[in-house]
Amino acid sequence: MKNQSTELKVGLFAIVVIVFLTYMTFKVGGLPLIWEKGYRLYVEFDDISGLDEQSRIKVAGVEAGIVEKIELIDGKAKLTLLINPDINIYRNAKAYMRMSGLLGDRYLALSTGTPDKPALENGDVIVNAVAAADIGMLADQLSTASVYLKDLTANLNELLGETQREDLKDTISNLKIITDNLKDLSMDNKEPLSRVIAQLDSFTKALSDQGPGFMGDMRKMARSLGDKGPELIDNLNEAAKELKEVLSENRYAFKESVDNLRSVSESVDTITRKIEEGEGTMGKLMTDDTLYNSLTNVSQQIEKSTEFVGRLRTFVDIYTEYNTGEGEWKGYLDLTLRPREDRYYIFGVVSDPRGSVETTRTTIDGVTFTSEEVDENEIEFTLQFAQRFDDFAFRIGLMESTFGVGADYFFLDDKGRAKFDAWDFGADEVDANDAHLRLGIDYKIFKYLFVSGGIDNLLNSDRRGVYVGGGVKFEDKDLKYLFGNMPNVSLR
C-alpha cells in the first residue's frame, strides 16, 4: 500500500509537470491553447519563405493571432489566419512578411486598415498582400555591386598611376598655395582698395556737386557760338558764291555731258524696244516661242530617255538542252530587255545540230525534179515580243529563224514557268512533217541557276522525245557585280 502511494504521488507530479510545460510552451511560443477562440481570415502570397504554420501574427508589434494553416493552391501560398476575437480587421487591411531578430525568424504583420471601411468577418480574404524582400536577391545585388566597386577601384588605380598621383598631389598643393597667395594679396592691398573705393565715392559726390556749374559752362559755350554765328554765315555765303562762279564757267561742258548721257539713254531705249518687238537676232531669240518649244521638246525627250533607261532591266540566259528523241544537244543564248514589268523583248541565238532542210524543185521538159539540201549545225535566231497579264504571258515573233508563237504561266513568285512554244509551221526542219510544238517547265533552284524539262516536237514522231536541260540566268546588275569583282589581269 505504501509503495502504491509513492507511485501515485510520482505519477501525479509527472502529470502536473507535463501540463505546466505544455502551458509554458504555448505561452512562450505564442501558440494558442485549444480552448482559445477567434475568427479566421485568408490571404495569399507568391512566396512565404521562412514562414511556417503556427507562426505569430502581429498588429503594431502586438501579437494578434497565429498562422493556423498553409496550403499551396495554383502556385500560390494560401494562409489561414486565426485572429484574436478582440481585434478588428477592416477591408483595406494589408498583410506584410516581416523578420524578427538577426536569426531571420519570420512573422506576419497586419495593418488593420481604417474604420471607414467594412470590417472583415470569419472567412473573408485580405486582398492586399505585400511581398517580402528577398534577402538572397539583395545579397546577390550587394555582391554584384561590390564586384563593380572593386572593378572601379582597379580601373582608378590603373588610370591614376604613380606619376598621376604625384601630379594630383602637386596640383592640390599648387591650388593651396594660390589660395594662400590670394588671401595674402587681399590682406596686403586691403587699404589701397579701400582708398580706391573712397576716391570713387568722392568723385561721384563731386560730380553731383559740380553738375549746376557744368550746365552753366555749356550755356556759356552756346552763347559764344551765338556771338560767332553771323561770321560763320558770311563765310558760308562766300563759299556758295565761289561755287556758283565755277558752275557758270563750266556750264557748256556740263551741258555736253548731259546731252551725251541723254543720247546713250535713247540708244539703249531703242535697242530694248527692238528686242521687245522681235527685231534682229536677239529679238527673235527673246520673243519667238519656237526656240523655247524646241528646248522644251529636247528636255522632255531627254527626260523620257533617262526614265526609260532607268527602268530598263536586262536579263541574259545561257542554257543547253538534251532531246532523248533526237539524241542531240542544243545550245541557247537569250537576251531579254524589259522596259516595263508587263512587256519585254527577247533576242536569242540557237545552235541547232539537226539544222533545216532547203528544198529545190527544178522542172525540165515538164518533169519536176526535187532536191533537198540539209544545213547542219545551223545558227538560228530568235526575236520575240512578249506581253504579260498577271501570271500569264504571250509571245510572238521569230523562233529559231521561223515565225512562231508562245505562252507562259509563271508560278511561285516567278521561280517556275510552264511554257508552250509553236514554230516552223512550214516544216522546214530535218525529218519534220508538221510544225514544231514544245511543252515544258523551267524552275529556278538557285539565284542564278535553273533547270528545264518537258516534251519536244509533239507532232513529229521521228523527232519526238523528252528533253532536259539547265543553265544560268543573270540580270544586268548581277553582271555589273560579277565583272566589277573580277581581278585585273595585267598583260605586261
Protein backbone atom coordinates (compact mmCIF):
# COMPACT_ATOMS: atom_id res chain seq x y z
CA MET A 1 0.00 0.00 0.00
CA LYS A 2 2.85 2.27 0.84
CA ASN A 3 4.52 1.54 -2.48
CA GLN A 4 1.33 2.36 -4.39
CA SER A 5 1.05 5.72 -2.60
CA THR A 6 4.60 6.60 -3.66
CA GLU A 7 3.94 5.62 -7.29
CA LEU A 8 0.67 7.59 -7.26
CA LYS A 9 2.47 10.67 -5.97
CA VAL A 10 5.18 10.34 -8.63
CA GLY A 11 2.56 9.93 -11.36
CA LEU A 12 0.56 12.96 -10.22
CA PHE A 13 3.74 15.01 -10.03
CA ALA A 14 4.69 13.96 -13.60
CA ILE A 15 1.23 14.91 -14.91
CA VAL A 16 1.41 18.33 -13.24
CA VAL A 17 4.89 18.92 -14.73
CA ILE A 18 3.70 17.89 -18.24
CA VAL A 19 0.65 20.19 -18.02
CA PHE A 20 2.83 23.06 -16.82
CA LEU A 21 5.40 22.52 -19.56
CA THR A 22 2.66 22.35 -22.20
CA TYR A 23 1.14 25.58 -20.95
CA MET A 24 4.52 27.33 -20.89
CA THR A 25 5.32 26.02 -24.41
CA PHE A 26 2.13 27.52 -25.82
CA LYS A 27 2.66 30.80 -24.00
CA VAL A 28 6.33 31.21 -24.81
CA GLY A 29 5.87 30.10 -28.44
CA GLY A 30 2.86 32.36 -28.89
CA LEU A 31 0.70 29.37 -29.79
CA PRO A 32 -2.98 29.33 -28.90
CA LEU A 33 -4.38 26.89 -26.50
CA ILE A 34 -7.05 24.58 -27.80
CA TRP A 35 -9.71 26.46 -25.92
CA GLU A 36 -8.70 29.87 -27.28
CA LYS A 37 -11.24 31.33 -29.72
CA GLY A 38 -11.10 33.78 -32.62
CA TYR A 39 -12.11 34.16 -36.27
CA ARG A 40 -10.35 33.09 -39.45
CA LEU A 41 -9.19 35.21 -42.38
CA TYR A 42 -7.36 34.20 -45.54
CA VAL A 43 -4.52 35.77 -47.51
CA GLU A 44 -2.35 34.67 -50.48
CA PHE A 45 1.38 35.28 -51.12
CA ASP A 46 3.62 34.41 -54.05
CA ASP A 47 6.45 33.48 -51.69
CA ILE A 48 6.45 32.87 -47.89
CA SER A 49 9.98 31.56 -47.47
CA GLY A 50 10.77 31.28 -43.74
CA LEU A 51 7.14 31.41 -42.59
CA ASP A 52 5.69 28.21 -41.12
CA GLU A 53 2.42 27.13 -39.60
CA GLN A 54 1.86 28.37 -36.03
CA SER A 55 3.93 31.47 -36.84
CA ARG A 56 2.86 34.58 -34.99
CA ILE A 57 0.66 37.38 -36.33
CA LYS A 58 1.34 40.88 -35.05
CA VAL A 59 -0.58 44.13 -35.30
CA ALA A 60 1.52 47.20 -34.46
CA GLY A 61 4.08 44.84 -32.92
CA VAL A 62 1.47 43.22 -30.61
CA GLU A 63 0.61 39.54 -31.02
CA ALA A 64 -2.82 39.20 -32.58
CA GLY A 65 -3.05 35.56 -33.65
CA ILE A 66 -1.27 32.74 -35.46
CA VAL A 67 -0.88 31.30 -38.94
CA GLU A 68 -3.12 28.28 -38.49
CA LYS A 69 -2.65 26.60 -41.86
CA ILE A 70 -0.60 26.95 -45.07
CA GLU A 71 -1.77 25.49 -48.40
CA LEU A 72 -0.34 25.59 -51.94
CA ILE A 73 -3.11 26.49 -54.38
CA ASP A 74 -2.42 27.32 -58.08
CA GLY A 75 1.23 28.07 -57.40
CA LYS A 76 0.49 30.46 -54.53
CA ALA A 77 0.67 30.04 -50.76
CA LYS A 78 -2.78 30.39 -49.17
CA LEU A 79 -2.59 31.20 -45.43
CA THR A 80 -5.37 30.60 -42.91
CA LEU A 81 -5.07 33.21 -40.16
CA LEU A 82 -6.60 32.72 -36.72
CA ILE A 83 -7.17 36.27 -35.40
CA ASN A 84 -7.91 37.06 -31.77
CA PRO A 85 -11.62 37.90 -31.35
CA ASP A 86 -10.98 41.31 -29.77
CA ILE A 87 -9.08 42.64 -32.82
CA ASN A 88 -10.98 44.19 -35.73
CA ILE A 89 -9.54 43.93 -39.23
CA TYR A 90 -11.06 46.16 -41.96
CA ARG A 91 -11.46 45.79 -45.74
CA ASN A 92 -8.38 47.91 -46.65
CA ALA A 93 -6.06 46.00 -44.32
CA LYS A 94 -2.62 44.93 -45.58
CA ALA A 95 -0.52 41.85 -44.81
CA TYR A 96 3.30 42.03 -44.72
CA MET A 97 6.10 39.49 -44.30
CA ARG A 98 8.46 40.62 -41.56
CA MET A 99 11.62 39.29 -39.96
CA SER A 100 12.35 39.45 -36.26
CA GLY A 101 15.83 39.27 -34.84
CA LEU A 102 19.14 38.54 -36.57
CA LEU A 103 18.31 34.85 -36.94
CA GLY A 104 15.72 35.60 -39.62
CA ASP A 105 12.56 34.33 -37.89
CA ARG A 106 9.55 35.33 -39.95
CA TYR A 107 6.18 36.52 -38.75
CA LEU A 108 3.11 38.02 -40.42
CA ALA A 109 2.41 41.69 -39.76
CA LEU A 110 -1.06 43.18 -40.32
CA SER A 111 -2.20 46.75 -40.66
CA THR A 112 -5.83 46.79 -39.54
CA GLY A 113 -6.97 49.33 -42.10
CA THR A 114 -9.34 52.21 -41.35
CA PRO A 115 -12.76 52.06 -39.65
CA ASP A 116 -14.42 53.85 -42.59
CA LYS A 117 -14.24 50.53 -44.45
CA PRO A 118 -16.34 47.43 -43.59
CA ALA A 119 -14.87 45.07 -41.02
CA LEU A 120 -13.76 41.63 -42.18
CA GLU A 121 -15.67 38.68 -40.80
CA ASN A 122 -14.93 34.99 -40.39
CA GLY A 123 -13.98 33.50 -43.78
CA ASP A 124 -13.15 36.80 -45.57
CA VAL A 125 -9.96 37.39 -47.58
CA ILE A 126 -7.30 40.07 -47.12
CA VAL A 127 -6.68 41.23 -50.69
CA ASN A 128 -3.69 43.50 -50.06
CA ALA A 129 -0.67 41.23 -49.61
CA VAL A 130 2.75 42.92 -49.75
CA ALA A 131 5.58 40.60 -50.76
CA ALA A 132 8.66 40.46 -48.57
CA ALA A 133 12.09 41.49 -49.78
CA ASP A 134 14.18 38.55 -50.96
CA ILE A 135 17.29 38.52 -48.77
CA GLY A 136 19.09 36.23 -51.21
CA MET A 137 18.37 38.59 -54.11
CA LEU A 138 19.55 41.55 -52.05
CA ALA A 139 22.70 39.67 -51.16
CA ASP A 140 23.32 38.89 -54.84
CA GLN A 141 22.80 42.53 -55.77
CA LEU A 142 25.16 43.63 -53.00
CA SER A 143 27.69 41.09 -54.20
CA THR A 144 27.36 42.39 -57.78
CA ALA A 145 27.70 45.96 -56.55
CA SER A 146 30.82 45.04 -54.61
CA VAL A 147 32.30 43.49 -57.77
CA TYR A 148 31.56 46.71 -59.69
CA LEU A 149 33.15 48.79 -56.91
CA LYS A 150 36.17 46.54 -56.98
CA ASP A 151 36.47 46.93 -60.78
CA LEU A 152 36.01 50.70 -60.45
CA THR A 153 38.76 50.85 -57.85
CA ALA A 154 41.05 48.76 -60.04
CA ASN A 155 40.33 50.99 -63.05
CA LEU A 156 41.06 54.09 -60.99
CA ASN A 157 44.31 52.55 -59.80
CA GLU A 158 45.24 51.75 -63.42
CA LEU A 159 44.22 55.23 -64.57
CA LEU A 160 45.99 57.01 -61.74
CA GLY A 161 49.43 55.55 -61.75
CA GLU A 162 52.25 56.65 -59.52
CA THR A 163 53.07 59.60 -61.79
CA GLN A 164 49.45 60.76 -62.00
CA ARG A 165 49.01 60.51 -58.25
CA GLU A 166 52.10 62.64 -57.71
CA ASP A 167 50.80 65.17 -60.27
CA LEU A 168 47.46 65.28 -58.48
CA LYS A 169 49.19 65.91 -55.17
CA ASP A 170 51.24 68.70 -56.77
CA THR A 171 48.06 70.23 -58.26
CA ILE A 172 46.33 70.25 -54.88
CA SER A 173 49.43 71.77 -53.31
CA ASN A 174 49.57 74.47 -56.02
CA LEU A 175 45.91 75.29 -55.50
CA LYS A 176 46.53 75.66 -51.80
CA ILE A 177 49.49 77.96 -52.49
CA ILE A 178 47.40 80.06 -54.92
CA THR A 179 44.66 80.35 -52.35
CA ASP A 180 47.12 81.46 -49.68
CA ASN A 181 48.64 83.98 -52.09
CA LEU A 182 45.24 85.43 -52.95
CA LYS A 183 44.48 85.67 -49.27
CA ASP A 184 47.80 87.42 -48.60
CA LEU A 185 47.28 89.72 -51.59
CA SER A 186 43.86 90.65 -50.36
CA MET A 187 45.20 91.38 -46.89
CA ASP A 188 48.19 93.36 -48.22
CA ASN A 189 46.06 95.52 -50.55
CA LYS A 190 43.15 95.95 -48.26
CA GLU A 191 43.94 99.60 -47.57
CA PRO A 192 44.66 100.59 -51.25
CA LEU A 193 41.39 99.01 -52.32
CA SER A 194 39.60 100.90 -49.61
CA ARG A 195 41.20 104.14 -50.82
CA VAL A 196 40.14 103.48 -54.46
CA ILE A 197 36.59 102.90 -53.35
CA ALA A 198 36.69 106.05 -51.26
CA GLN A 199 38.03 108.07 -54.23
CA LEU A 200 35.25 106.75 -56.50
CA ASP A 201 32.76 107.79 -53.88
CA SER A 202 34.33 111.26 -53.68
CA PHE A 203 34.27 111.60 -57.49
CA THR A 204 30.61 110.74 -57.55
CA LYS A 205 29.83 113.32 -54.91
CA ALA A 206 31.94 115.95 -56.73
CA LEU A 207 30.14 115.28 -60.00
CA SER A 208 26.85 115.71 -58.21
CA ASP A 209 28.04 118.96 -56.62
CA GLN A 210 29.55 120.37 -59.86
CA GLY A 211 26.55 119.49 -62.03
CA PRO A 212 24.99 123.01 -62.00
CA GLY A 213 28.38 124.59 -62.80
CA PHE A 214 28.86 122.16 -65.73
CA MET A 215 25.48 123.14 -67.14
CA GLY A 216 26.49 126.80 -66.76
CA ASP A 217 29.63 126.17 -68.82
CA MET A 218 27.50 124.56 -71.55
CA ARG A 219 25.31 127.68 -71.63
CA LYS A 220 28.40 129.88 -71.96
CA MET A 221 29.61 127.80 -74.95
CA ALA A 222 26.22 128.11 -76.64
CA ARG A 223 26.22 131.90 -76.05
CA SER A 224 29.69 132.14 -77.57
CA LEU A 225 28.54 130.15 -80.58
CA GLY A 226 25.67 132.58 -80.98
CA ASP A 227 28.10 135.50 -80.98
CA LYS A 228 30.23 133.89 -83.71
CA GLY A 229 27.16 132.80 -85.76
CA PRO A 230 26.92 135.80 -88.18
CA GLU A 231 30.57 135.49 -89.12
CA LEU A 232 30.13 131.77 -89.84
CA ILE A 233 27.10 132.50 -92.05
CA ASP A 234 29.08 135.10 -94.03
CA ASN A 235 31.78 132.51 -94.71
CA LEU A 236 29.21 130.02 -95.99
CA ASN A 237 27.70 132.65 -98.32
CA GLU A 238 31.13 133.43 -99.77
CA ALA A 239 31.76 129.71 -100.43
CA ALA A 240 28.37 129.44 -102.22
CA LYS A 241 29.25 132.41 -104.49
CA GLU A 242 32.57 130.83 -105.48
CA LEU A 243 30.79 127.53 -106.31
CA LYS A 244 28.29 129.41 -108.48
CA GLU A 245 31.10 131.08 -110.43
CA VAL A 246 32.72 127.63 -111.09
CA LEU A 247 29.44 126.26 -112.41
CA SER A 248 28.92 129.32 -114.65
CA GLU A 249 32.34 128.95 -116.22
CA ASN A 250 31.81 125.21 -116.98
CA ARG A 251 28.12 125.14 -117.83
CA TYR A 252 28.74 124.29 -121.52
CA ALA A 253 30.85 121.28 -120.59
CA PHE A 254 28.20 120.11 -118.13
CA LYS A 255 25.52 120.56 -120.82
CA GLU A 256 27.52 118.50 -123.31
CA SER A 257 27.93 115.70 -120.76
CA VAL A 258 24.19 115.70 -120.03
CA ASP A 259 23.45 115.58 -123.81
CA ASN A 260 25.77 112.60 -124.20
CA LEU A 261 24.06 110.80 -121.32
CA ARG A 262 20.66 111.52 -122.89
CA SER A 263 21.85 110.14 -126.28
CA VAL A 264 23.14 106.97 -124.67
CA SER A 265 19.83 106.52 -122.80
CA GLU A 266 17.89 106.95 -126.07
CA SER A 267 20.09 104.35 -127.82
CA VAL A 268 19.56 101.87 -125.02
CA ASP A 269 15.83 102.54 -125.12
CA THR A 270 15.78 101.94 -128.91
CA ILE A 271 17.67 98.63 -128.59
CA THR A 272 15.36 97.48 -125.82
CA ARG A 273 12.27 98.38 -127.88
CA LYS A 274 13.57 96.46 -130.94
CA ILE A 275 14.30 93.41 -128.78
CA GLU A 276 10.79 93.55 -127.31
CA GLU A 277 9.32 93.86 -130.84
CA GLY A 278 11.31 90.83 -132.02
CA GLU A 279 13.61 92.64 -134.41
CA GLY A 280 17.06 91.27 -135.03
CA THR A 281 18.62 88.00 -133.88
CA MET A 282 18.44 88.81 -130.18
CA GLY A 283 14.83 89.95 -130.53
CA LYS A 284 13.81 86.75 -132.27
CA LEU A 285 15.52 84.69 -129.62
CA MET A 286 13.74 86.63 -126.89
CA THR A 287 10.25 86.80 -128.43
CA ASP A 288 9.92 83.74 -130.72
CA ASP A 289 8.39 80.70 -128.97
CA THR A 290 9.98 78.31 -131.46
CA LEU A 291 13.31 78.22 -129.65
CA TYR A 292 11.59 77.78 -126.28
CA ASN A 293 9.39 74.97 -127.63
CA SER A 294 12.40 73.27 -129.20
CA LEU A 295 14.34 73.40 -125.96
CA THR A 296 11.28 72.13 -124.09
CA ASN A 297 10.85 69.21 -126.50
CA VAL A 298 14.53 68.32 -126.28
CA SER A 299 14.33 68.41 -122.47
CA GLN A 300 11.24 66.19 -122.49
CA GLN A 301 12.87 63.69 -124.87
CA ILE A 302 15.98 63.58 -122.70
CA GLU A 303 13.82 63.06 -119.61
CA LYS A 304 11.88 60.25 -121.30
CA SER A 305 15.09 58.60 -122.46
CA THR A 306 16.56 58.85 -118.97
CA GLU A 307 13.38 57.43 -117.44
CA PHE A 308 13.36 54.58 -119.98
CA VAL A 309 16.99 53.72 -119.33
CA GLY A 310 16.42 53.92 -115.58
CA ARG A 311 13.59 51.39 -115.58
CA LEU A 312 15.02 49.11 -118.31
CA ARG A 313 16.01 45.69 -116.96
CA THR A 314 18.24 43.32 -118.90
CA PHE A 315 18.45 39.54 -118.46
CA VAL A 316 20.93 37.09 -120.02
CA ASP A 317 20.05 33.36 -120.21
CA ILE A 318 22.68 30.78 -121.21
CA TYR A 319 21.45 27.19 -121.23
CA THR A 320 21.54 23.86 -123.07
CA GLU A 321 19.03 21.02 -123.59
CA TYR A 322 19.29 17.33 -124.48
CA ASN A 323 16.50 15.71 -126.52
CA THR A 324 16.19 11.94 -126.00
CA GLY A 325 14.27 11.54 -129.25
CA GLU A 326 16.96 13.22 -131.32
CA GLY A 327 19.95 12.28 -129.21
CA GLU A 328 21.35 15.76 -129.69
CA TRP A 329 22.26 18.78 -127.55
CA LYS A 330 21.06 22.29 -128.38
CA GLY A 331 22.58 25.48 -127.02
CA TYR A 332 20.77 28.76 -126.37
CA LEU A 333 21.78 32.34 -125.61
CA ASP A 334 18.87 34.73 -124.88
CA LEU A 335 18.99 38.46 -124.17
CA THR A 336 15.77 39.83 -122.63
CA LEU A 337 15.10 43.57 -122.48
CA ARG A 338 12.26 44.53 -120.14
CA PRO A 339 11.37 48.25 -120.29
CA ARG A 340 8.19 47.57 -118.26
CA GLU A 341 7.07 44.81 -115.93
CA ASP A 342 4.31 43.75 -118.34
CA ARG A 343 6.26 44.00 -121.61
CA TYR A 344 9.62 42.65 -122.78
CA TYR A 345 11.64 41.69 -125.88
CA ILE A 346 13.68 38.51 -126.38
CA PHE A 347 16.73 38.34 -128.66
CA GLY A 348 18.26 34.86 -128.94
CA VAL A 349 20.82 32.71 -130.75
CA VAL A 350 20.29 28.92 -131.08
CA SER A 351 22.79 26.29 -132.13
CA ASP A 352 20.68 23.51 -133.79
CA PRO A 353 22.75 20.39 -134.66
CA ARG A 354 19.97 18.97 -136.90
CA GLY A 355 19.63 22.18 -138.88
CA SER A 356 16.97 22.70 -141.53
CA VAL A 357 16.18 21.33 -144.99
CA GLU A 358 16.17 23.52 -148.09
CA THR A 359 14.04 22.00 -150.86
CA THR A 360 14.78 22.87 -154.51
CA ARG A 361 12.32 21.98 -157.34
CA THR A 362 13.52 22.03 -160.98
CA THR A 363 11.21 21.43 -164.00
CA ILE A 364 12.76 20.09 -167.21
CA ASP A 365 10.53 19.23 -170.23
CA GLY A 366 7.51 19.18 -167.99
CA VAL A 367 9.18 16.89 -165.47
CA THR A 368 9.73 18.30 -161.93
CA PHE A 369 12.84 17.24 -160.10
CA THR A 370 13.06 17.81 -156.33
CA SER A 371 16.30 18.06 -154.39
CA GLU A 372 16.84 18.63 -150.68
CA GLU A 373 19.89 20.18 -149.06
CA VAL A 374 20.40 19.76 -145.30
CA ASP A 375 22.08 22.61 -143.46
CA GLU A 376 23.54 21.01 -140.33
CA ASN A 377 24.89 22.86 -137.29
CA GLU A 378 22.87 25.85 -138.27
CA ILE A 379 22.90 29.00 -136.20
CA GLU A 380 19.31 30.24 -135.83
CA PHE A 381 17.94 33.43 -134.38
CA THR A 382 15.03 34.32 -132.13
CA LEU A 383 13.29 37.69 -131.92
CA GLN A 384 10.07 37.80 -129.88
CA PHE A 385 7.76 40.38 -128.40
CA ALA A 386 6.06 39.38 -125.13
CA GLN A 387 3.11 40.88 -123.26
CA ARG A 388 2.37 39.79 -119.69
CA PHE A 389 -1.00 39.73 -117.91
CA ASP A 390 -0.53 38.93 -114.19
CA ASP A 391 0.87 35.36 -114.19
CA PHE A 392 0.34 34.74 -117.94
CA ALA A 393 2.47 35.96 -120.85
CA PHE A 394 2.03 35.63 -124.62
CA ARG A 395 4.89 35.78 -127.14
CA ILE A 396 5.04 36.29 -130.91
CA GLY A 397 7.84 36.73 -133.45
CA LEU A 398 10.75 34.73 -134.83
CA MET A 399 11.59 31.46 -133.13
CA GLU A 400 14.69 29.67 -134.45
CA SER A 401 14.55 31.79 -137.63
CA THR A 402 10.88 30.96 -138.39
CA PHE A 403 7.59 32.54 -137.35
CA GLY A 404 6.34 31.28 -134.00
CA VAL A 405 4.12 31.94 -131.02
CA GLY A 406 4.35 31.03 -127.36
CA ALA A 407 2.61 31.27 -124.00
CA ASP A 408 3.97 31.18 -120.42
CA TYR A 409 2.46 30.66 -116.97
CA PHE A 410 4.54 31.87 -114.01
CA PHE A 411 4.17 30.41 -110.53
CA LEU A 412 5.86 30.51 -107.10
CA ASP A 413 6.79 34.20 -107.43
CA ASP A 414 8.30 33.64 -110.90
CA LYS A 415 10.59 30.86 -109.70
CA GLY A 416 8.80 28.46 -112.02
CA ARG A 417 7.49 28.83 -115.58
CA ALA A 418 5.31 26.48 -117.63
CA LYS A 419 5.78 27.26 -121.32
CA PHE A 420 4.28 26.27 -124.67
CA ASP A 421 6.03 27.08 -127.97
CA ALA A 422 4.98 26.53 -131.59
CA TRP A 423 7.10 27.40 -134.66
CA ASP A 424 8.31 26.06 -138.02
CA PHE A 425 4.80 25.89 -139.45
CA GLY A 426 6.33 25.20 -142.88
CA ALA A 427 8.04 22.03 -141.57
CA ASP A 428 11.48 23.10 -142.81
CA GLU A 429 13.38 21.20 -140.12
CA VAL A 430 15.08 17.88 -140.84
CA ASP A 431 12.71 14.86 -140.59
CA ALA A 432 9.80 17.20 -139.85
CA ASN A 433 6.38 16.79 -141.45
CA ASP A 434 4.48 19.16 -139.19
CA ALA A 435 5.08 22.26 -137.09
CA HIS A 436 7.41 22.14 -134.11
CA LEU A 437 5.48 22.12 -130.80
CA ARG A 438 7.12 22.00 -127.37
CA LEU A 439 5.69 21.86 -123.84
CA GLY A 440 7.99 22.27 -120.82
CA ILE A 441 8.75 23.74 -117.41
CA ASP A 442 11.65 25.90 -116.19
CA TYR A 443 12.42 26.14 -112.46
CA LYS A 444 14.98 28.31 -110.68
CA ILE A 445 16.75 26.25 -108.00
CA PHE A 446 19.29 28.92 -107.02
CA LYS A 447 19.64 32.65 -107.59
CA TYR A 448 21.44 32.21 -110.93
CA LEU A 449 20.82 28.53 -111.78
CA PHE A 450 17.70 26.96 -113.28
CA VAL A 451 16.71 23.58 -114.75
CA SER A 452 14.24 22.75 -117.50
CA GLY A 453 12.43 19.77 -118.91
CA GLY A 454 9.44 18.71 -120.98
CA ILE A 455 8.31 17.11 -124.25
CA ASP A 456 9.71 18.35 -127.56
CA ASN A 457 8.37 18.02 -131.14
CA LEU A 458 4.94 16.70 -130.18
CA LEU A 459 3.67 16.42 -133.80
CA ASN A 460 6.74 14.77 -135.40
CA SER A 461 7.10 11.16 -134.24
CA ASP A 462 10.61 10.77 -135.68
CA ARG A 463 11.95 13.58 -133.54
CA ARG A 464 9.55 13.49 -130.57
CA GLY A 465 11.22 12.98 -127.20
CA VAL A 466 11.72 14.16 -123.66
CA TYR A 467 14.20 16.97 -123.19
CA VAL A 468 16.09 18.02 -120.06
CA GLY A 469 18.50 20.83 -119.55
CA GLY A 470 19.63 23.72 -117.47
CA GLY A 471 21.60 26.92 -117.43
CA VAL A 472 22.31 30.20 -115.74
CA LYS A 473 20.33 33.45 -115.69
CA PHE A 474 21.87 36.85 -114.90
CA GLU A 475 20.42 40.32 -114.60
CA ASP A 476 22.30 43.45 -115.63
CA LYS A 477 23.09 44.41 -112.02
CA ASP A 478 24.40 40.86 -111.39
CA LEU A 479 26.71 41.17 -114.39
CA LYS A 480 27.95 44.53 -113.14
CA TYR A 481 28.69 42.96 -109.76
CA LEU A 482 30.43 39.92 -111.25
CA PHE A 483 32.56 41.87 -113.71
CA GLY A 484 33.21 44.57 -111.13
CA ASN A 485 34.68 41.99 -108.72
CA MET A 486 36.81 40.14 -111.31
CA PRO A 487 40.53 40.51 -110.67
CA ASN A 488 42.51 42.72 -113.01
CA VAL A 489 44.79 40.81 -115.36
CA SER A 490 47.91 42.58 -116.50
CA LEU A 491 49.47 41.63 -119.85
CA ARG A 492 52.77 43.33 -119.14
